[in-house]
Amino acid sequence: MPINIFFCYAREDEVLLNKLKTHLRPLQRQGLIDVWYDRNISAGTEWEQEIKEHLNSAQIVLLLVSPDFMDSDYCYSIEMKRALERHARGEAKVIPVILRYVDWHGEPLGKLQALPTDGKPVRGSDWYDLDSALYDVTAGIRKVVEQLTSPHASASPVIAETMPQATAKPSLTTPTIQQPKNKAPVLLPLPVEQLALLLTLTGHKQIVDSVAISPDGQTLVSGSYDETIKVWELSTGKLVRTLTGHKKAVDTVAISPDGQTLVSGGVDNTIKVWELSTGKLVRTLTGHADAVTSVAISPDGQTLVSGSYDNTIKVWGA
C-alpha cells in the first residue's frame, strides 16, 4: 500500500508546492506514495472536514515552512498543531520542508529533523538551482517512505545529520585465521551483539548516500550528494583521496571482487568506472535515461549491473 502524504502549506507557496509534487511524481509512479493537498477537494465538499480527514489519515505530513506559513494562523495553529499531536503519538511522521528563509528553529519545529539537508532553505543560496534543492528533499522523503514500508522499519526517519568527528576506539583491523594451503578462507560472521561505534568520518558537504568496503577490508568508499566520491583508510578513517567527475549527486558505489575497480552511479544518468588505487577515471558508461541508483558487480568480476529511476536494470559485460 502506498504511503499517504499530506501537504500543509501557505497559499503564497503554491508554486513551490507544485514543483515539489513534480519531483515526487516518480515515487507515485512506483506506487510508493499518494499525495494530497487542499486543491484536491471537489466542488460542493465541506472543505474543513475534508482537510481534517486527510490530515488524520496521513502517514507523512510535510510542513512547507516559509514566512507566510509561520504567519498563517490556520497552518500554524490548526494543521501543524494537529500534525504534531499525531507525530508525538507515533501515528505519523512530520517533516518540515524549509522553503524560504524564516526563523523556525525554536519550539515546536526546532526539535524536528528538517529537509533539505541541514535545514537549508529550498530558495536559499546553498543550492545550485531549485531542482537540486528539491531533489535533496525528495531523496529524504524517499528514505522515510522506504523505512515506513520496510518490514524492519525503525521508529524514526532516517535523514542525514552532521555529526562531530569521533576518535578511534577498538581496532578495525580484520582478524586473520591461518588457513591450510589450497583452502578457501574462512569468513567470520558479523558480530552483531558486540557491535559498537568505532569511527565517525566527516568531510562530505551533503548527504552521504552510499558506501562500500573493499574485499580486503582495508578501504572504504563513500558517495555523496556533494557530487564527490571519497576513498578512506578504513582502519584509521584517514581520507586518502577525493574523486570528482559526476556532474550531480553520486547515488551508489561498488568495488570489484579483486579490489582493483570502483564503479559509481549518479543523478547525471551516468556510470563511472575508476581505478581504485589511483582514483583515475577509466570509463563513463551511458544508456540510462534517469538517475542511476544502484550498481553491483558479479562475484567473478566479469559483469556489471545497474538500476535506475528510469525503471530499467541494465547488464554490462564483455
C-alpha atoms as a PDB file:
ATOM      1  CA  MET A   1       0.000   0.000   0.000  1.00  0.00           C
ATOM      2  CA  PRO A   2       1.327   3.493  -0.828  1.00  0.00           C
ATOM      3  CA  ILE A   3       2.220   5.899   1.976  1.00  0.00           C
ATOM      4  CA  ASN A   4      -0.235   8.812   2.233  1.00  0.00           C
ATOM      5  CA  ILE A   5       1.430  12.244   2.282  1.00  0.00           C
ATOM      6  CA  PHE A   6      -0.373  15.426   3.361  1.00  0.00           C
ATOM      7  CA  PHE A   7       0.919  18.878   2.389  1.00  0.00           C
ATOM      8  CA  CYS A   8       0.479  21.670   4.918  1.00  0.00           C
ATOM      9  CA  TYR A   9       1.361  24.944   3.196  1.00  0.00           C
ATOM     10  CA  ALA A  10       0.542  28.629   2.741  1.00  0.00           C
ATOM     11  CA  ARG A  11      -1.150  29.762  -0.471  1.00  0.00           C
ATOM     12  CA  GLU A  12       1.808  32.039  -1.253  1.00  0.00           C
ATOM     13  CA  ASP A  13       3.990  28.917  -1.605  1.00  0.00           C
ATOM     14  CA  GLU A  14       1.760  27.008  -4.011  1.00  0.00           C
ATOM     15  CA  VAL A  15       4.238  27.385  -6.886  1.00  0.00           C
ATOM     16  CA  LEU A  16       6.950  25.678  -4.830  1.00  0.00           C
ATOM     17  CA  LEU A  17       4.445  23.041  -3.682  1.00  0.00           C
ATOM     18  CA  ASN A  18       3.714  22.164  -7.309  1.00  0.00           C
ATOM     19  CA  LYS A  19       7.431  21.946  -8.076  1.00  0.00           C
ATOM     20  CA  LEU A  20       7.887  19.554  -5.162  1.00  0.00           C
ATOM     21  CA  LYS A  21       4.940  17.454  -6.349  1.00  0.00           C
ATOM     22  CA  THR A  22       6.670  17.144  -9.728  1.00  0.00           C
ATOM     23  CA  HIS A  23       9.824  15.807  -8.038  1.00  0.00           C
ATOM     24  CA  LEU A  24       7.743  13.350  -6.010  1.00  0.00           C
ATOM     25  CA  ARG A  25       5.964  12.051  -9.104  1.00  0.00           C
ATOM     26  CA  PRO A  26       8.426   9.144  -9.666  1.00  0.00           C
ATOM     27  CA  LEU A  27       7.592   7.870  -6.170  1.00  0.00           C
ATOM     28  CA  GLN A  28       3.908   7.989  -7.097  1.00  0.00           C
ATOM     29  CA  ARG A  29       4.527   6.142 -10.349  1.00  0.00           C
ATOM     30  CA  GLN A  30       6.369   3.452  -8.405  1.00  0.00           C
ATOM     31  CA  GLY A  31       3.359   3.034  -6.130  1.00  0.00           C
ATOM     32  CA  LEU A  32       5.279   4.201  -3.061  1.00  0.00           C
ATOM     33  CA  ILE A  33       3.194   7.271  -2.178  1.00  0.00           C
ATOM     34  CA  ASP A  34      -0.087   9.096  -2.649  1.00  0.00           C
ATOM     35  CA  VAL A  35      -0.112  12.862  -2.135  1.00  0.00           C
ATOM     36  CA  TRP A  36      -2.960  15.127  -1.058  1.00  0.00           C
ATOM     37  CA  TYR A  37      -3.461  18.845  -0.557  1.00  0.00           C
ATOM     38  CA  ASP A  38      -6.476  21.085  -0.382  1.00  0.00           C
ATOM     39  CA  ARG A  39      -6.688  21.710  -4.156  1.00  0.00           C
ATOM     40  CA  ASN A  40      -7.868  18.098  -4.410  1.00  0.00           C
ATOM     41  CA  ILE A  41     -11.140  18.995  -2.682  1.00  0.00           C
ATOM     42  CA  SER A  42     -14.103  18.542  -5.029  1.00  0.00           C
ATOM     43  CA  ALA A  43     -16.673  21.263  -5.566  1.00  0.00           C
ATOM     44  CA  GLY A  44     -19.505  21.109  -3.051  1.00  0.00           C
ATOM     45  CA  THR A  45     -17.418  19.311  -0.421  1.00  0.00           C
ATOM     46  CA  GLU A  46     -17.162  20.676   3.112  1.00  0.00           C
ATOM     47  CA  TRP A  47     -13.520  21.722   2.820  1.00  0.00           C
ATOM     48  CA  GLU A  48     -12.615  21.904   6.513  1.00  0.00           C
ATOM     49  CA  GLN A  49     -13.920  18.410   7.236  1.00  0.00           C
ATOM     50  CA  GLU A  50     -12.162  17.061   4.142  1.00  0.00           C
ATOM     51  CA  ILE A  51      -8.830  18.545   5.253  1.00  0.00           C
ATOM     52  CA  LYS A  52      -9.283  17.133   8.736  1.00  0.00           C
ATOM     53  CA  GLU A  53      -9.980  13.623   7.437  1.00  0.00           C
ATOM     54  CA  HIS A  54      -6.888  13.576   5.202  1.00  0.00           C
ATOM     55  CA  LEU A  55      -4.690  15.110   7.877  1.00  0.00           C
ATOM     56  CA  ASN A  56      -5.834  12.462  10.362  1.00  0.00           C
ATOM     57  CA  SER A  57      -5.136   9.591   7.964  1.00  0.00           C
ATOM     58  CA  ALA A  58      -1.790  10.729   6.507  1.00  0.00           C
ATOM     59  CA  GLN A  59       1.307   8.724   7.411  1.00  0.00           C
ATOM     60  CA  ILE A  60       3.640  11.573   6.478  1.00  0.00           C
ATOM     61  CA  VAL A  61       2.830  15.264   6.935  1.00  0.00           C
ATOM     62  CA  LEU A  62       5.052  17.739   5.103  1.00  0.00           C
ATOM     63  CA  LEU A  63       5.109  21.209   6.645  1.00  0.00           C
ATOM     64  CA  LEU A  64       6.183  23.608   3.888  1.00  0.00           C
ATOM     65  CA  VAL A  65       7.797  26.232   6.091  1.00  0.00           C
ATOM     66  CA  SER A  66       8.152  29.858   4.995  1.00  0.00           C
ATOM     67  CA  PRO A  67       7.425  33.316   6.418  1.00  0.00           C
ATOM     68  CA  ASP A  68       3.857  33.017   5.088  1.00  0.00           C
ATOM     69  CA  PHE A  69       3.433  29.575   6.660  1.00  0.00           C
ATOM     70  CA  MET A  70       4.568  30.909  10.040  1.00  0.00           C
ATOM     71  CA  ASP A  71       2.223  33.887   9.626  1.00  0.00           C
ATOM     72  CA  SER A  72      -0.834  31.752   8.806  1.00  0.00           C
ATOM     73  CA  ASP A  73      -2.996  31.033  11.850  1.00  0.00           C
ATOM     74  CA  TYR A  74      -4.642  28.124  10.066  1.00  0.00           C
ATOM     75  CA  CYS A  75      -1.355  26.473   9.010  1.00  0.00           C
ATOM     76  CA  TYR A  76       0.484  27.082  12.267  1.00  0.00           C
ATOM     77  CA  SER A  77      -2.204  26.816  14.926  1.00  0.00           C
ATOM     78  CA  ILE A  78      -4.574  24.258  13.429  1.00  0.00           C
ATOM     79  CA  GLU A  79      -2.956  21.995  10.820  1.00  0.00           C
ATOM     80  CA  MET A  80       0.554  21.963  12.294  1.00  0.00           C
ATOM     81  CA  LYS A  81      -0.723  21.569  15.842  1.00  0.00           C
ATOM     82  CA  ARG A  82      -2.810  18.538  14.859  1.00  0.00           C
ATOM     83  CA  ALA A  83       0.072  17.037  12.854  1.00  0.00           C
ATOM     84  CA  LEU A  84       2.481  17.365  15.784  1.00  0.00           C
ATOM     85  CA  GLU A  85      -0.024  15.709  18.113  1.00  0.00           C
ATOM     86  CA  ARG A  86      -0.143  12.694  15.787  1.00  0.00           C
ATOM     87  CA  HIS A  87       3.661  12.753  15.469  1.00  0.00           C
ATOM     88  CA  ALA A  88       4.048  12.679  19.260  1.00  0.00           C
ATOM     89  CA  ARG A  89       1.783   9.617  19.453  1.00  0.00           C
ATOM     90  CA  GLY A  90       3.709   7.828  16.714  1.00  0.00           C
ATOM     91  CA  GLU A  91       0.758   7.937  14.315  1.00  0.00           C
ATOM     92  CA  ALA A  92       2.524   9.980  11.614  1.00  0.00           C
ATOM     93  CA  LYS A  93       5.915  11.352  10.622  1.00  0.00           C
ATOM     94  CA  VAL A  94       6.043  15.143  10.487  1.00  0.00           C
ATOM     95  CA  ILE A  95       8.804  16.576   8.297  1.00  0.00           C
ATOM     96  CA  PRO A  96       9.399  20.334   7.993  1.00  0.00           C
ATOM     97  CA  VAL A  97      10.478  21.299   4.481  1.00  0.00           C
ATOM     98  CA  ILE A  98      12.136  24.714   4.676  1.00  0.00           C
ATOM     99  CA  LEU A  99      11.129  26.614   1.556  1.00  0.00           C
ATOM    100  CA  ARG A 100      12.331  30.131   2.347  1.00  0.00           C
ATOM    101  CA  TYR A 101      14.393  31.862   4.997  1.00  0.00           C
ATOM    102  CA  VAL A 102      12.457  32.247   8.267  1.00  0.00           C
ATOM    103  CA  ASP A 103      13.183  31.755  11.971  1.00  0.00           C
ATOM    104  CA  TRP A 104      11.829  28.237  12.502  1.00  0.00           C
ATOM    105  CA  HIS A 105      14.449  26.809  14.902  1.00  0.00           C
ATOM    106  CA  GLY A 106      12.523  27.382  18.131  1.00  0.00           C
ATOM    107  CA  GLU A 107       9.716  25.259  19.527  1.00  0.00           C
ATOM    108  CA  PRO A 108       7.960  23.287  18.233  1.00  0.00           C
ATOM    109  CA  LEU A 109       9.639  22.878  14.809  1.00  0.00           C
ATOM    110  CA  GLY A 110      13.208  23.124  16.048  1.00  0.00           C
ATOM    111  CA  LYS A 111      13.137  19.647  17.581  1.00  0.00           C
ATOM    112  CA  LEU A 112      12.250  18.009  14.250  1.00  0.00           C
ATOM    113  CA  GLN A 113      14.766  16.965  11.592  1.00  0.00           C
ATOM    114  CA  ALA A 114      14.075  19.181   8.594  1.00  0.00           C
ATOM    115  CA  LEU A 115      14.650  18.943   4.865  1.00  0.00           C
ATOM    116  CA  PRO A 116      16.560  19.893   2.767  1.00  0.00           C
ATOM    117  CA  THR A 117      19.829  18.741   4.346  1.00  0.00           C
ATOM    118  CA  ASP A 118      20.739  20.811   7.413  1.00  0.00           C
ATOM    119  CA  GLY A 119      17.506  22.784   7.028  1.00  0.00           C
ATOM    120  CA  LYS A 120      18.988  24.884   4.212  1.00  0.00           C
ATOM    121  CA  PRO A 121      16.048  26.663   2.511  1.00  0.00           C
ATOM    122  CA  VAL A 122      14.956  25.435  -0.903  1.00  0.00           C
ATOM    123  CA  ARG A 123      15.155  29.030  -2.126  1.00  0.00           C
ATOM    124  CA  GLY A 124      18.472  29.602  -0.337  1.00  0.00           C
ATOM    125  CA  SER A 125      21.879  30.346  -1.808  1.00  0.00           C
ATOM    126  CA  ASP A 126      23.350  26.951  -0.817  1.00  0.00           C
ATOM    127  CA  TRP A 127      21.766  25.195  -3.795  1.00  0.00           C
ATOM    128  CA  TYR A 128      22.916  25.262  -7.404  1.00  0.00           C
ATOM    129  CA  ASP A 129      19.319  25.558  -8.550  1.00  0.00           C
ATOM    130  CA  LEU A 130      15.761  24.792  -7.445  1.00  0.00           C
ATOM    131  CA  ASP A 131      15.876  21.253  -8.833  1.00  0.00           C
ATOM    132  CA  SER A 132      18.986  20.440  -6.767  1.00  0.00           C
ATOM    133  CA  ALA A 133      17.226  21.503  -3.577  1.00  0.00           C
ATOM    134  CA  LEU A 134      14.018  19.628  -4.369  1.00  0.00           C
ATOM    135  CA  TYR A 135      15.963  16.526  -5.348  1.00  0.00           C
ATOM    136  CA  ASP A 136      17.530  16.595  -1.893  1.00  0.00           C
ATOM    137  CA  VAL A 137      14.059  16.924  -0.332  1.00  0.00           C
ATOM    138  CA  THR A 138      12.703  14.070  -2.450  1.00  0.00           C
ATOM    139  CA  ALA A 139      15.618  11.807  -1.521  1.00  0.00           C
ATOM    140  CA  GLY A 140      14.985  12.472   2.166  1.00  0.00           C
ATOM    141  CA  ILE A 141      11.294  11.699   1.767  1.00  0.00           C
ATOM    142  CA  ARG A 142      12.101   8.511  -0.146  1.00  0.00           C
ATOM    143  CA  LYS A 143      14.266   7.301   2.747  1.00  0.00           C
ATOM    144  CA  VAL A 144      11.422   7.833   5.213  1.00  0.00           C
ATOM    145  CA  VAL A 145       8.938   6.105   2.890  1.00  0.00           C
ATOM    146  CA  GLU A 146      11.267   3.121   2.444  1.00  0.00           C
ATOM    147  CA  GLN A 147      11.717   2.926   6.190  1.00  0.00           C
ATOM    148  CA  LEU A 148       7.969   3.020   6.825  1.00  0.00           C
ATOM    149  CA  THR A 149       7.344   0.272   4.276  1.00  0.00           C
ATOM    150  CA  SER A 150      10.246  -1.922   5.398  1.00  0.00           C
ATOM    151  CA  PRO A 151       9.291  -4.975   7.477  1.00  0.00           C
ATOM    152  CA  HIS A 152      12.126  -3.981   9.827  1.00  0.00           C
ATOM    153  CA  ALA A 153      11.306  -0.260   9.916  1.00  0.00           C
ATOM    154  CA  SER A 154      12.599   1.702  12.889  1.00  0.00           C
ATOM    155  CA  ALA A 155      10.607   4.289  14.772  1.00  0.00           C
ATOM    156  CA  SER A 156      12.262   7.447  13.472  1.00  0.00           C
ATOM    157  CA  PRO A 157      13.016   8.798   9.981  1.00  0.00           C
ATOM    158  CA  VAL A 158      16.434   8.250   8.516  1.00  0.00           C
ATOM    159  CA  ILE A 159      17.547  11.726   7.469  1.00  0.00           C
ATOM    160  CA  ALA A 160      21.206  12.614   7.300  1.00  0.00           C
ATOM    161  CA  GLU A 161      22.651  14.804  10.010  1.00  0.00           C
ATOM    162  CA  THR A 162      26.097  16.190  10.648  1.00  0.00           C
ATOM    163  CA  MET A 163      27.981  14.517  13.481  1.00  0.00           C
ATOM    164  CA  PRO A 164      31.262  15.588  15.108  1.00  0.00           C
ATOM    165  CA  GLN A 165      34.406  13.623  14.364  1.00  0.00           C
ATOM    166  CA  ALA A 166      34.943  10.798  16.830  1.00  0.00           C
ATOM    167  CA  THR A 167      38.211   9.325  17.977  1.00  0.00           C
ATOM    168  CA  ALA A 168      39.064   5.752  17.186  1.00  0.00           C
ATOM    169  CA  LYS A 169      38.124   3.124  19.719  1.00  0.00           C
ATOM    170  CA  PRO A 170      38.838  -0.557  19.114  1.00  0.00           C
ATOM    171  CA  SER A 171      40.954  -1.530  16.121  1.00  0.00           C
ATOM    172  CA  LEU A 172      39.214  -2.034  12.790  1.00  0.00           C
ATOM    173  CA  THR A 173      41.818  -4.497  11.580  1.00  0.00           C
ATOM    174  CA  THR A 174      40.126  -7.622  10.302  1.00  0.00           C
ATOM    175  CA  PRO A 175      41.268 -10.684  12.283  1.00  0.00           C
ATOM    176  CA  THR A 176      43.067 -13.294  10.244  1.00  0.00           C
ATOM    177  CA  ILE A 177      42.919 -17.041  10.539  1.00  0.00           C
ATOM    178  CA  GLN A 178      45.747 -19.248   9.355  1.00  0.00           C
ATOM    179  CA  GLN A 179      44.437 -21.487   6.605  1.00  0.00           C
ATOM    180  CA  PRO A 180      45.880 -24.638   5.122  1.00  0.00           C
ATOM    181  CA  LYS A 181      47.150 -24.134   1.589  1.00  0.00           C
ATOM    182  CA  ASN A 182      44.591 -24.505  -1.220  1.00  0.00           C
ATOM    183  CA  LYS A 183      41.724 -23.982   1.221  1.00  0.00           C
ATOM    184  CA  ALA A 184      39.166 -21.196   0.809  1.00  0.00           C
ATOM    185  CA  PRO A 185      39.461 -18.511   3.508  1.00  0.00           C
ATOM    186  CA  VAL A 186      37.053 -18.683   6.411  1.00  0.00           C
ATOM    187  CA  LEU A 187      34.706 -15.692   6.537  1.00  0.00           C
ATOM    188  CA  LEU A 188      33.843 -14.563  10.030  1.00  0.00           C
ATOM    189  CA  PRO A 189      30.208 -13.674  10.755  1.00  0.00           C
ATOM    190  CA  LEU A 190      29.324 -10.096  11.664  1.00  0.00           C
ATOM    191  CA  PRO A 191      29.496  -9.872  15.493  1.00  0.00           C
ATOM    192  CA  VAL A 192      26.031  -8.376  15.770  1.00  0.00           C
ATOM    193  CA  GLU A 193      25.752  -8.471  19.559  1.00  0.00           C
ATOM    194  CA  GLN A 194      29.157  -6.851  20.057  1.00  0.00           C
ATOM    195  CA  LEU A 195      28.798  -4.016  17.521  1.00  0.00           C
ATOM    196  CA  ALA A 196      29.951  -0.631  18.847  1.00  0.00           C
ATOM    197  CA  LEU A 197      30.754   2.725  17.228  1.00  0.00           C
ATOM    198  CA  LEU A 198      34.410   2.801  16.188  1.00  0.00           C
ATOM    199  CA  LEU A 199      34.725   5.890  13.997  1.00  0.00           C
ATOM    200  CA  THR A 200      32.684   8.767  12.603  1.00  0.00           C
ATOM    201  CA  LEU A 201      34.082  10.168   9.371  1.00  0.00           C
ATOM    202  CA  THR A 202      33.389  13.727   8.251  1.00  0.00           C
ATOM    203  CA  GLY A 203      34.329  15.522   5.061  1.00  0.00           C
ATOM    204  CA  HIS A 204      31.350  15.358   2.734  1.00  0.00           C
ATOM    205  CA  LYS A 205      29.365  18.591   2.419  1.00  0.00           C
ATOM    206  CA  GLN A 206      25.968  16.972   1.806  1.00  0.00           C
ATOM    207  CA  ILE A 207      24.095  13.691   2.343  1.00  0.00           C
ATOM    208  CA  VAL A 208      26.210  10.526   2.124  1.00  0.00           C
ATOM    209  CA  ASP A 209      24.051   8.229   0.023  1.00  0.00           C
ATOM    210  CA  SER A 210      26.200   5.126  -0.428  1.00  0.00           C
ATOM    211  CA  VAL A 211      29.221   3.294   0.991  1.00  0.00           C
ATOM    212  CA  ALA A 212      31.230   0.225   0.045  1.00  0.00           C
ATOM    213  CA  ILE A 213      34.118  -1.684   1.656  1.00  0.00           C
ATOM    214  CA  SER A 214      36.884  -3.353  -0.354  1.00  0.00           C
ATOM    215  CA  PRO A 215      37.086  -7.166  -0.194  1.00  0.00           C
ATOM    216  CA  ASP A 216      40.315  -6.994   1.856  1.00  0.00           C
ATOM    217  CA  GLY A 217      38.592  -4.757   4.435  1.00  0.00           C
ATOM    218  CA  GLN A 218      41.228  -2.038   4.117  1.00  0.00           C
ATOM    219  CA  THR A 219      39.421   0.613   2.075  1.00  0.00           C
ATOM    220  CA  LEU A 220      36.096   2.411   2.478  1.00  0.00           C
ATOM    221  CA  VAL A 221      34.451   4.344  -0.364  1.00  0.00           C
ATOM    222  CA  SER A 222      31.577   6.820   0.030  1.00  0.00           C
ATOM    223  CA  GLY A 223      29.354   8.624  -2.475  1.00  0.00           C
ATOM    224  CA  SER A 224      27.536  11.866  -1.722  1.00  0.00           C
ATOM    225  CA  TYR A 225      25.059  14.477  -2.899  1.00  0.00           C
ATOM    226  CA  ASP A 226      28.053  16.874  -2.956  1.00  0.00           C
ATOM    227  CA  GLU A 227      28.952  15.189  -6.290  1.00  0.00           C
ATOM    228  CA  THR A 228      32.126  13.596  -4.927  1.00  0.00           C
ATOM    229  CA  ILE A 229      33.388  10.132  -4.052  1.00  0.00           C
ATOM    230  CA  LYS A 230      35.771   9.839  -1.118  1.00  0.00           C
ATOM    231  CA  VAL A 231      38.222   6.999  -0.523  1.00  0.00           C
ATOM    232  CA  TRP A 232      39.168   6.342   3.097  1.00  0.00           C
ATOM    233  CA  GLU A 233      41.584   4.124   5.016  1.00  0.00           C
ATOM    234  CA  LEU A 234      39.074   2.068   6.972  1.00  0.00           C
ATOM    235  CA  SER A 235      41.228   1.237   9.988  1.00  0.00           C
ATOM    236  CA  THR A 236      42.034   4.888  10.781  1.00  0.00           C
ATOM    237  CA  GLY A 237      39.350   6.905   8.987  1.00  0.00           C
ATOM    238  CA  LYS A 238      42.066   8.828   7.109  1.00  0.00           C
ATOM    239  CA  LEU A 239      40.899  10.426   3.843  1.00  0.00           C
ATOM    240  CA  VAL A 240      43.036   9.035   1.024  1.00  0.00           C
ATOM    241  CA  ARG A 241      41.604  10.939  -1.940  1.00  0.00           C
ATOM    242  CA  THR A 242      38.509  12.640  -3.317  1.00  0.00           C
ATOM    243  CA  LEU A 243      37.228  11.712  -6.776  1.00  0.00           C
ATOM    244  CA  THR A 244      35.337  14.217  -8.909  1.00  0.00           C
ATOM    245  CA  GLY A 245      33.695  13.698 -12.277  1.00  0.00           C
ATOM    246  CA  HIS A 246      29.984  13.270 -11.671  1.00  0.00           C
ATOM    247  CA  LYS A 247      28.047  16.433 -12.502  1.00  0.00           C
ATOM    248  CA  LYS A 248      25.315  15.726  -9.946  1.00  0.00           C
ATOM    249  CA  ALA A 249      24.833  13.658  -6.790  1.00  0.00           C
ATOM    250  CA  VAL A 250      26.543  10.261  -6.505  1.00  0.00           C
ATOM    251  CA  ASP A 251      23.840   7.747  -5.602  1.00  0.00           C
ATOM    252  CA  THR A 252      25.707   4.437  -5.497  1.00  0.00           C
ATOM    253  CA  VAL A 253      29.207   2.899  -5.329  1.00  0.00           C
ATOM    254  CA  ALA A 254      30.565  -0.648  -5.613  1.00  0.00           C
ATOM    255  CA  ILE A 255      34.036  -2.240  -5.535  1.00  0.00           C
ATOM    256  CA  SER A 256      35.034  -5.182  -7.713  1.00  0.00           C
ATOM    257  CA  PRO A 257      35.837  -8.546  -6.048  1.00  0.00           C
ATOM    258  CA  ASP A 258      39.552  -8.137  -6.837  1.00  0.00           C
ATOM    259  CA  GLY A 259      39.554  -4.718  -5.134  1.00  0.00           C
ATOM    260  CA  GLN A 260      41.022  -3.016  -8.208  1.00  0.00           C
ATOM    261  CA  THR A 261      37.987  -1.267  -9.676  1.00  0.00           C
ATOM    262  CA  LEU A 262      35.450   1.177  -8.290  1.00  0.00           C
ATOM    263  CA  VAL A 263      32.106   1.745 -10.013  1.00  0.00           C
ATOM    264  CA  SER A 264      29.783   4.661  -9.272  1.00  0.00           C
ATOM    265  CA  GLY A 265      26.351   5.765 -10.458  1.00  0.00           C
ATOM    266  CA  GLY A 266      24.828   9.200 -10.252  1.00  0.00           C
ATOM    267  CA  VAL A 267      21.959  11.572 -10.814  1.00  0.00           C
ATOM    268  CA  ASP A 268      23.726  12.705 -14.010  1.00  0.00           C
ATOM    269  CA  ASN A 269      22.454   9.386 -15.506  1.00  0.00           C
ATOM    270  CA  THR A 270      25.999   8.012 -15.894  1.00  0.00           C
ATOM    271  CA  ILE A 271      28.023   5.097 -14.558  1.00  0.00           C
ATOM    272  CA  LYS A 272      31.697   5.820 -13.984  1.00  0.00           C
ATOM    273  CA  VAL A 273      34.459   3.237 -13.701  1.00  0.00           C
ATOM    274  CA  TRP A 274      37.560   4.187 -11.695  1.00  0.00           C
ATOM    275  CA  GLU A 275      40.938   2.652 -10.868  1.00  0.00           C
ATOM    276  CA  LEU A 276      40.600   2.382  -7.094  1.00  0.00           C
ATOM    277  CA  SER A 277      44.309   2.530  -6.249  1.00  0.00           C
ATOM    278  CA  THR A 278      44.912   5.814  -8.106  1.00  0.00           C
ATOM    279  CA  GLY A 279      41.456   7.395  -8.475  1.00  0.00           C
ATOM    280  CA  LYS A 280      41.903   7.558 -12.257  1.00  0.00           C
ATOM    281  CA  LEU A 281      38.649   7.699 -14.250  1.00  0.00           C
ATOM    282  CA  VAL A 282      38.807   4.798 -16.691  1.00  0.00           C
ATOM    283  CA  ARG A 283      35.455   4.992 -18.455  1.00  0.00           C
ATOM    284  CA  THR A 284      31.998   6.571 -18.394  1.00  0.00           C
ATOM    285  CA  LEU A 285      29.015   4.402 -19.367  1.00  0.00           C
ATOM    286  CA  THR A 286      25.795   5.972 -20.649  1.00  0.00           C
ATOM    287  CA  GLY A 287      22.447   4.440 -21.508  1.00  0.00           C
ATOM    288  CA  HIS A 288      20.120   5.167 -18.619  1.00  0.00           C
ATOM    289  CA  ALA A 289      17.513   7.888 -19.131  1.00  0.00           C
ATOM    290  CA  ASP A 290      17.376   8.879 -15.444  1.00  0.00           C
ATOM    291  CA  ALA A 291      19.446   8.756 -12.255  1.00  0.00           C
ATOM    292  CA  VAL A 292      21.500   5.585 -11.669  1.00  0.00           C
ATOM    293  CA  THR A 293      20.554   4.491  -8.155  1.00  0.00           C
ATOM    294  CA  SER A 294      22.341   1.155  -7.773  1.00  0.00           C
ATOM    295  CA  VAL A 295      25.289  -0.788  -9.180  1.00  0.00           C
ATOM    296  CA  ALA A 296      26.573  -4.285  -8.458  1.00  0.00           C
ATOM    297  CA  ILE A 297      29.465  -6.406  -9.724  1.00  0.00           C
ATOM    298  CA  SER A 298      29.271 -10.177 -10.115  1.00  0.00           C
ATOM    299  CA  PRO A 299      31.468 -12.389  -7.882  1.00  0.00           C
ATOM    300  CA  ASP A 300      33.696 -13.286 -10.856  1.00  0.00           C
ATOM    301  CA  GLY A 301      34.159  -9.585 -11.659  1.00  0.00           C
ATOM    302  CA  GLN A 302      33.015 -10.019 -15.258  1.00  0.00           C
ATOM    303  CA  THR A 303      29.541  -8.474 -15.150  1.00  0.00           C
ATOM    304  CA  LEU A 304      28.234  -5.104 -14.012  1.00  0.00           C
ATOM    305  CA  VAL A 305      24.549  -4.476 -13.279  1.00  0.00           C
ATOM    306  CA  SER A 306      22.912  -1.076 -12.821  1.00  0.00           C
ATOM    307  CA  GLY A 307      19.447   0.082 -11.740  1.00  0.00           C
ATOM    308  CA  SER A 308      17.835   3.435 -12.413  1.00  0.00           C
ATOM    309  CA  TYR A 309      14.881   5.749 -11.811  1.00  0.00           C
ATOM    310  CA  ASP A 310      14.072   5.093 -15.490  1.00  0.00           C
ATOM    311  CA  ASN A 311      12.568   1.769 -14.287  1.00  0.00           C
ATOM    312  CA  THR A 312      15.232  -0.337 -16.028  1.00  0.00           C
ATOM    313  CA  ILE A 313      18.038  -2.672 -14.995  1.00  0.00           C
ATOM    314  CA  LYS A 314      20.991  -2.803 -17.382  1.00  0.00           C
ATOM    315  CA  VAL A 315      23.542  -5.627 -17.535  1.00  0.00           C
ATOM    316  CA  TRP A 316      27.022  -4.769 -18.820  1.00  0.00           C
ATOM    317  CA  GLY A 317      29.748  -7.193 -19.816  1.00  0.00           C
ATOM    318  CA  ALA A 318      32.432  -8.005 -22.378  1.00  0.00           C
END
